[in-house]
Amino acid sequence: MQDEIYREIAGALTKGEPVVLATVARTRGSTPRKTGAKMVVRKDGTFFGTIGGGCGEAEVWQEAMNVLADGNARIVTVDLTEPTDGDDKICGGVMDVFVERIA
């Protein structure tokens, strides 16, 4: 999957399209994906790869769209310990995801 992620980035760069790379930088407790999992988000909102799905991935996707707009890399902490807006935060862990624009 890692090779496919990098091919996706290279394809976007060849077309002159910026993308955002979201990488799980650290996990604590039980999480759907582990350190190193990656997701590429395109300007049109579509994405390739996964960092775990559900509302945690949706949080990172939203920040990725913000990073596309402002260009500022950031770390997004995804807390999967307590269900706050639905029942899909059941893993019980926390992920720190580094989100960066590549252009």
Protein backbone atom coordinates (compact mmCIF):
# COMPACT_ATOMS: atom_id res chain seq x y z
CA MET A 1 0.00 0.00 0.00
CA GLN A 2 2.88 2.40 0.73
CA ASP A 3 4.13 2.19 -2.87
CA GLU A 4 0.62 2.94 -4.13
CA ILE A 5 0.40 6.00 -1.85
CA TYR A 6 3.63 7.38 -3.29
CA ARG A 7 2.51 6.65 -6.85
CA GLU A 8 -0.70 8.58 -6.12
CA ILE A 9 1.33 11.55 -4.87
CA ALA A 10 3.68 11.41 -7.87
CA GLY A 11 0.71 11.31 -10.27
CA ALA A 12 -0.84 14.38 -8.66
CA LEU A 13 2.45 16.29 -8.73
CA THR A 14 2.93 15.42 -12.40
CA LYS A 15 -0.46 17.05 -13.09
CA GLY A 16 0.46 20.07 -10.96
CA GLU A 17 -2.21 19.27 -8.38
CA PRO A 18 -1.46 19.73 -4.69
CA VAL A 19 -2.40 16.94 -2.31
CA VAL A 20 -2.29 16.40 1.42
CA LEU A 21 -0.54 13.45 2.98
CA ALA A 22 -1.89 12.34 6.36
CA THR A 23 0.39 9.94 8.24
CA VAL A 24 -0.33 8.27 11.57
CA ALA A 25 2.66 9.49 13.59
CA ARG A 26 1.88 7.91 16.97
CA THR A 27 -0.74 5.70 18.54
CA ARG A 28 -1.66 4.96 22.13
CA GLY A 29 -4.02 2.17 23.08
CA SER A 30 -6.18 0.33 20.57
CA THR A 31 -6.47 2.09 17.20
CA PRO A 32 -7.76 0.93 13.80
CA ARG A 33 -4.40 1.56 12.11
CA LYS A 34 -0.88 1.82 13.45
CA THR A 35 2.02 4.24 13.06
CA GLY A 36 2.92 4.77 9.41
CA ALA A 37 -0.59 4.33 7.96
CA LYS A 38 -1.17 6.92 5.24
CA MET A 39 -3.97 8.65 3.37
CA VAL A 40 -3.74 11.10 0.45
CA VAL A 41 -6.45 13.76 0.16
CA ARG A 42 -7.02 15.53 -3.15
CA LYS A 43 -8.28 19.09 -3.67
CA ASP A 44 -11.69 17.80 -4.82
CA GLY A 45 -12.11 16.00 -1.48
CA THR A 46 -11.56 12.50 -2.76
CA PHE A 47 -8.90 10.43 -1.05
CA PHE A 48 -6.72 7.36 -1.45
CA GLY A 49 -5.62 5.06 1.36
CA THR A 50 -6.90 5.01 4.91
CA ILE A 51 -5.88 5.85 8.42
CA GLY A 52 -8.72 3.90 9.96
CA GLY A 53 -12.12 4.98 8.67
CA GLY A 54 -15.09 6.28 10.63
CA CYS A 55 -15.37 9.63 12.33
CA GLY A 56 -11.65 9.70 13.20
CA GLU A 57 -10.77 9.60 9.53
CA ALA A 58 -13.43 12.23 8.87
CA GLU A 59 -11.76 14.55 11.41
CA VAL A 60 -8.43 14.14 9.64
CA TRP A 61 -10.07 14.62 6.22
CA GLN A 62 -11.53 17.95 7.38
CA GLU A 63 -8.13 19.12 8.62
CA ALA A 64 -6.58 17.94 5.35
CA MET A 65 -8.95 20.22 3.46
CA ASN A 66 -7.89 23.08 5.75
CA VAL A 67 -4.21 22.27 5.09
CA LEU A 68 -4.88 22.37 1.34
CA ALA A 69 -6.36 25.83 1.81
CA ASP A 70 -3.75 27.38 4.11
CA GLY A 71 -0.65 25.24 3.45
CA ASN A 72 0.16 24.90 7.14
CA ALA A 73 1.13 21.41 8.30
CA ARG A 74 -0.31 20.28 11.60
CA ILE A 75 -0.77 17.34 13.93
CA VAL A 76 -4.34 16.17 14.45
CA THR A 77 -5.06 14.21 17.61
CA VAL A 78 -7.87 11.71 17.07
CA ASP A 79 -9.35 10.54 20.36
CA LEU A 80 -11.13 7.21 19.95
CA THR A 81 -11.72 6.65 23.66
CA GLU A 82 -15.20 8.09 24.10
CA PRO A 83 -18.16 8.14 21.72
CA THR A 84 -19.17 11.79 21.36
CA ASP A 85 -21.15 11.95 18.13
CA GLY A 86 -22.13 8.39 17.37
CA ASP A 87 -21.01 4.96 18.42
CA ASP A 88 -18.08 4.46 16.06
CA LYS A 89 -15.33 5.67 18.43
CA ILE A 90 -15.07 2.27 20.03
CA CYS A 91 -11.39 1.44 19.57
CA GLY A 92 -10.33 2.98 22.85
CA GLY A 93 -7.07 4.58 21.74
CA VAL A 94 -5.62 7.86 20.52
CA MET A 95 -3.82 8.61 17.24
CA ASP A 96 -1.65 11.59 16.38
CA VAL A 97 -1.77 12.20 12.62
CA PHE A 98 0.69 14.48 10.83
CA VAL A 99 -1.07 16.30 7.99
CA GLU A 100 1.06 18.07 5.35
CA ARG A 101 0.50 19.67 1.96
CA ILE A 102 2.62 18.42 -0.92
CA ALA A 103 2.74 20.65 -3.99
